[in-house]
Amino acid sequence: MELPKEFTGDGQYIHVKVGVYAIVNPVGEIYIGQSIDLEERVRRHKKFGGSGTKLLKYSMFNHGRKNHKYYLVMELIQPVDQSVLQEWERFYINKFTNEGYKLLNANKCGAGGKKGSFGSRGNKILHKLNYDKYNQPL
């Protein structure tokens, strides 16, 4: 499956301050996120293996952190309110889900980077997952 046309960049670095980003694993599964400091957020994902998102952590463990690609989906101009970033994150999660892409976001409405907002769907998925079952349909 081809990447969405909205994805820009070389897959290694994002040189934009604020916006929505995507992480793509080797089998084409996508994580959508947002940040007011994209370079730092990508650095943390690369260093800590999907920090803050359990499904992305499973992917990075299973496929290797260095085998994930990072893309800019949408740049926003500063200053921008966190609620605006969350709305764009939700928009792209819904858009790519409706287009048939498999997402690694546990919360399909966009958690907005808030800790503890993993959601009951995500917790149920994690209880079903183990290393051998990761690539099986949920």
C-alpha atoms as a PDB file:
ATOM      1  CA  MET A   1       0.000   0.000   0.000  1.00  0.00           C
ATOM      2  CA  GLU A   2       1.323   3.418  -0.908  1.00  0.00           C
ATOM      3  CA  LEU A   3       1.835   6.135   1.675  1.00  0.00           C
ATOM      4  CA  PRO A   4      -0.766   8.898   1.856  1.00  0.00           C
ATOM      5  CA  LYS A   5      -0.029  11.842  -0.434  1.00  0.00           C
ATOM      6  CA  GLU A   6       0.042  14.161   2.597  1.00  0.00           C
ATOM      7  CA  PHE A   7       3.277  12.598   3.888  1.00  0.00           C
ATOM      8  CA  THR A   8       6.321  14.752   3.128  1.00  0.00           C
ATOM      9  CA  GLY A   9       9.989  14.459   3.968  1.00  0.00           C
ATOM     10  CA  ASP A  10      12.782  11.934   3.681  1.00  0.00           C
ATOM     11  CA  GLY A  11      11.495   9.604   6.405  1.00  0.00           C
ATOM     12  CA  GLN A  12      14.382  10.405   8.742  1.00  0.00           C
ATOM     13  CA  TYR A  13      13.930  13.913  10.119  1.00  0.00           C
ATOM     14  CA  ILE A  14      11.221  16.515  10.481  1.00  0.00           C
ATOM     15  CA  HIS A  15      12.582  20.056  10.334  1.00  0.00           C
ATOM     16  CA  VAL A  16       9.385  21.831  11.326  1.00  0.00           C
ATOM     17  CA  LYS A  17       8.500  23.148  14.764  1.00  0.00           C
ATOM     18  CA  VAL A  18       4.712  22.603  15.067  1.00  0.00           C
ATOM     19  CA  GLY A  19       2.364  20.193  13.348  1.00  0.00           C
ATOM     20  CA  VAL A  20       1.016  16.716  12.757  1.00  0.00           C
ATOM     21  CA  TYR A  21       3.426  13.873  12.001  1.00  0.00           C
ATOM     22  CA  ALA A  22       3.323  10.220  11.016  1.00  0.00           C
ATOM     23  CA  ILE A  23       5.531   7.270  11.896  1.00  0.00           C
ATOM     24  CA  VAL A  24       5.401   4.338   9.479  1.00  0.00           C
ATOM     25  CA  ASN A  25       6.692   0.860  10.290  1.00  0.00           C
ATOM     26  CA  PRO A  26       8.127  -1.570   7.682  1.00  0.00           C
ATOM     27  CA  VAL A  27       4.753  -3.278   7.103  1.00  0.00           C
ATOM     28  CA  GLY A  28       2.965   0.020   6.446  1.00  0.00           C
ATOM     29  CA  GLU A  29       1.207   0.538   9.771  1.00  0.00           C
ATOM     30  CA  ILE A  30       0.972   4.215  10.675  1.00  0.00           C
ATOM     31  CA  TYR A  31       1.038   6.196  13.904  1.00  0.00           C
ATOM     32  CA  ILE A  32      -0.329   9.754  13.762  1.00  0.00           C
ATOM     33  CA  GLY A  33       0.737  12.305  16.370  1.00  0.00           C
ATOM     34  CA  GLN A  34       1.068  16.030  16.921  1.00  0.00           C
ATOM     35  CA  SER A  35       3.436  18.285  18.793  1.00  0.00           C
ATOM     36  CA  ILE A  36       4.406  21.883  19.403  1.00  0.00           C
ATOM     37  CA  ASP A  37       8.052  20.720  19.160  1.00  0.00           C
ATOM     38  CA  LEU A  38       8.258  18.116  16.397  1.00  0.00           C
ATOM     39  CA  GLU A  39      12.039  17.775  16.333  1.00  0.00           C
ATOM     40  CA  GLU A  40      12.097  16.962  20.056  1.00  0.00           C
ATOM     41  CA  ARG A  41       9.102  14.626  19.783  1.00  0.00           C
ATOM     42  CA  VAL A  42      10.718  12.648  16.944  1.00  0.00           C
ATOM     43  CA  ARG A  43      14.010  12.527  18.878  1.00  0.00           C
ATOM     44  CA  ARG A  44      12.170  11.035  21.886  1.00  0.00           C
ATOM     45  CA  HIS A  45      10.404   8.458  19.709  1.00  0.00           C
ATOM     46  CA  LYS A  46      13.728   7.410  18.190  1.00  0.00           C
ATOM     47  CA  LYS A  47      15.536   7.308  21.532  1.00  0.00           C
ATOM     48  CA  PHE A  48      12.856   5.681  23.682  1.00  0.00           C
ATOM     49  CA  GLY A  49      11.034   3.592  21.095  1.00  0.00           C
ATOM     50  CA  GLY A  50       7.569   5.107  20.755  1.00  0.00           C
ATOM     51  CA  SER A  51       7.447   6.937  24.047  1.00  0.00           C
ATOM     52  CA  GLY A  52       3.945   7.277  25.447  1.00  0.00           C
ATOM     53  CA  THR A  53       2.182   4.984  22.958  1.00  0.00           C
ATOM     54  CA  LYS A  54       2.042   1.283  23.719  1.00  0.00           C
ATOM     55  CA  LEU A  55       1.082   0.024  20.255  1.00  0.00           C
ATOM     56  CA  LEU A  56       3.896   2.042  18.692  1.00  0.00           C
ATOM     57  CA  LYS A  57       6.298   0.645  21.318  1.00  0.00           C
ATOM     58  CA  TYR A  58       5.267  -2.894  20.314  1.00  0.00           C
ATOM     59  CA  SER A  59       5.929  -2.009  16.686  1.00  0.00           C
ATOM     60  CA  MET A  60       9.349  -0.526  17.430  1.00  0.00           C
ATOM     61  CA  PHE A  61      10.273  -3.543  19.538  1.00  0.00           C
ATOM     62  CA  ASN A  62       9.041  -5.973  16.897  1.00  0.00           C
ATOM     63  CA  HIS A  63      10.468  -4.238  13.797  1.00  0.00           C
ATOM     64  CA  GLY A  64      13.321  -2.222  15.332  1.00  0.00           C
ATOM     65  CA  ARG A  65      13.353   1.512  16.028  1.00  0.00           C
ATOM     66  CA  LYS A  66      15.656   2.287  13.106  1.00  0.00           C
ATOM     67  CA  ASN A  67      13.228   0.660  10.674  1.00  0.00           C
ATOM     68  CA  HIS A  68      10.485   3.244  11.256  1.00  0.00           C
ATOM     69  CA  LYS A  69      10.122   6.301   9.007  1.00  0.00           C
ATOM     70  CA  TYR A  70       9.037   9.781  10.142  1.00  0.00           C
ATOM     71  CA  TYR A  71       6.987  12.109   7.956  1.00  0.00           C
ATOM     72  CA  LEU A  72       5.435  15.518   8.248  1.00  0.00           C
ATOM     73  CA  VAL A  73       1.689  15.413   7.573  1.00  0.00           C
ATOM     74  CA  MET A  74       0.817  19.060   8.226  1.00  0.00           C
ATOM     75  CA  GLU A  75       2.743  22.084   9.427  1.00  0.00           C
ATOM     76  CA  LEU A  76       0.950  24.637  11.580  1.00  0.00           C
ATOM     77  CA  ILE A  77       2.052  28.220  12.100  1.00  0.00           C
ATOM     78  CA  GLN A  78       2.939  29.375  15.620  1.00  0.00           C
ATOM     79  CA  PRO A  79       1.430  30.354  17.922  1.00  0.00           C
ATOM     80  CA  VAL A  80      -1.122  27.554  17.850  1.00  0.00           C
ATOM     81  CA  ASP A  81      -3.447  26.340  20.568  1.00  0.00           C
ATOM     82  CA  GLN A  82      -3.131  22.699  21.695  1.00  0.00           C
ATOM     83  CA  SER A  83      -6.824  22.144  20.896  1.00  0.00           C
ATOM     84  CA  VAL A  84      -6.164  23.071  17.248  1.00  0.00           C
ATOM     85  CA  LEU A  85      -3.357  20.496  17.064  1.00  0.00           C
ATOM     86  CA  GLN A  86      -5.649  17.872  18.594  1.00  0.00           C
ATOM     87  CA  GLU A  87      -8.375  18.602  16.061  1.00  0.00           C
ATOM     88  CA  TRP A  88      -5.954  18.165  13.141  1.00  0.00           C
ATOM     89  CA  GLU A  89      -4.592  14.965  14.701  1.00  0.00           C
ATOM     90  CA  ARG A  90      -8.148  13.605  14.985  1.00  0.00           C
ATOM     91  CA  PHE A  91      -8.882  14.682  11.409  1.00  0.00           C
ATOM     92  CA  TYR A  92      -5.922  12.736  10.001  1.00  0.00           C
ATOM     93  CA  ILE A  93      -6.541   9.680  12.211  1.00  0.00           C
ATOM     94  CA  ASN A  94     -10.097   9.507  10.891  1.00  0.00           C
ATOM     95  CA  LYS A  95      -9.053  10.285   7.295  1.00  0.00           C
ATOM     96  CA  PHE A  96      -6.389   7.593   7.107  1.00  0.00           C
ATOM     97  CA  THR A  97      -8.577   5.052   8.923  1.00  0.00           C
ATOM     98  CA  ASN A  98     -11.383   5.676   6.431  1.00  0.00           C
ATOM     99  CA  GLU A  99      -8.898   5.291   3.555  1.00  0.00           C
ATOM    100  CA  GLY A 100      -8.058   1.784   4.807  1.00  0.00           C
ATOM    101  CA  TYR A 101      -4.687   2.329   6.451  1.00  0.00           C
ATOM    102  CA  LYS A 102      -3.934   0.343   9.605  1.00  0.00           C
ATOM    103  CA  LEU A 103      -3.110   2.777  12.409  1.00  0.00           C
ATOM    104  CA  LEU A 104      -1.078   2.196  15.549  1.00  0.00           C
ATOM    105  CA  ASN A 105      -3.055   4.828  17.453  1.00  0.00           C
ATOM    106  CA  ALA A 106      -4.910   3.084  20.284  1.00  0.00           C
ATOM    107  CA  ASN A 107      -7.279   6.013  20.692  1.00  0.00           C
ATOM    108  CA  LYS A 108      -8.897   6.556  17.295  1.00  0.00           C
ATOM    109  CA  CYS A 109     -10.049  10.042  18.271  1.00  0.00           C
ATOM    110  CA  GLY A 110      -6.566  11.341  19.051  1.00  0.00           C
ATOM    111  CA  ALA A 111      -5.370  11.430  22.627  1.00  0.00           C
ATOM    112  CA  GLY A 112      -3.668  14.764  22.145  1.00  0.00           C
ATOM    113  CA  GLY A 113      -0.520  13.633  23.917  1.00  0.00           C
ATOM    114  CA  LYS A 114      -2.228  13.370  27.283  1.00  0.00           C
ATOM    115  CA  LYS A 115      -0.969  10.633  29.591  1.00  0.00           C
ATOM    116  CA  GLY A 116      -3.604   8.218  30.799  1.00  0.00           C
ATOM    117  CA  SER A 117      -5.803   8.705  27.751  1.00  0.00           C
ATOM    118  CA  PHE A 118      -4.958   5.363  26.175  1.00  0.00           C
ATOM    119  CA  GLY A 119      -8.619   4.344  26.283  1.00  0.00           C
ATOM    120  CA  SER A 120     -10.464   1.095  26.898  1.00  0.00           C
ATOM    121  CA  ARG A 121     -10.115  -0.016  23.251  1.00  0.00           C
ATOM    122  CA  GLY A 122      -6.347   0.289  23.494  1.00  0.00           C
ATOM    123  CA  ASN A 123      -6.208  -1.575  26.807  1.00  0.00           C
ATOM    124  CA  LYS A 124      -8.301  -4.426  25.359  1.00  0.00           C
ATOM    125  CA  ILE A 125      -6.008  -4.599  22.341  1.00  0.00           C
ATOM    126  CA  LEU A 126      -2.908  -4.749  24.530  1.00  0.00           C
ATOM    127  CA  HIS A 127      -4.355  -7.623  26.546  1.00  0.00           C
ATOM    128  CA  LYS A 128      -4.885  -9.555  23.300  1.00  0.00           C
ATOM    129  CA  LEU A 129      -1.438  -8.757  21.925  1.00  0.00           C
ATOM    130  CA  ASN A 130       1.743 -10.651  22.532  1.00  0.00           C
ATOM    131  CA  TYR A 131       4.962 -10.835  20.546  1.00  0.00           C
ATOM    132  CA  ASP A 132       3.715 -13.686  18.274  1.00  0.00           C
ATOM    133  CA  LYS A 133       0.317 -12.091  17.583  1.00  0.00           C
ATOM    134  CA  TYR A 134       1.486  -8.560  16.774  1.00  0.00           C
ATOM    135  CA  ASN A 135       1.068  -8.825  12.991  1.00  0.00           C
ATOM    136  CA  GLN A 136      -2.297 -10.574  13.168  1.00  0.00           C
ATOM    137  CA  PRO A 137      -5.477  -8.568  12.486  1.00  0.00           C
ATOM    138  CA  LEU A 138      -7.125  -7.283  15.651  1.00  0.00           C
END
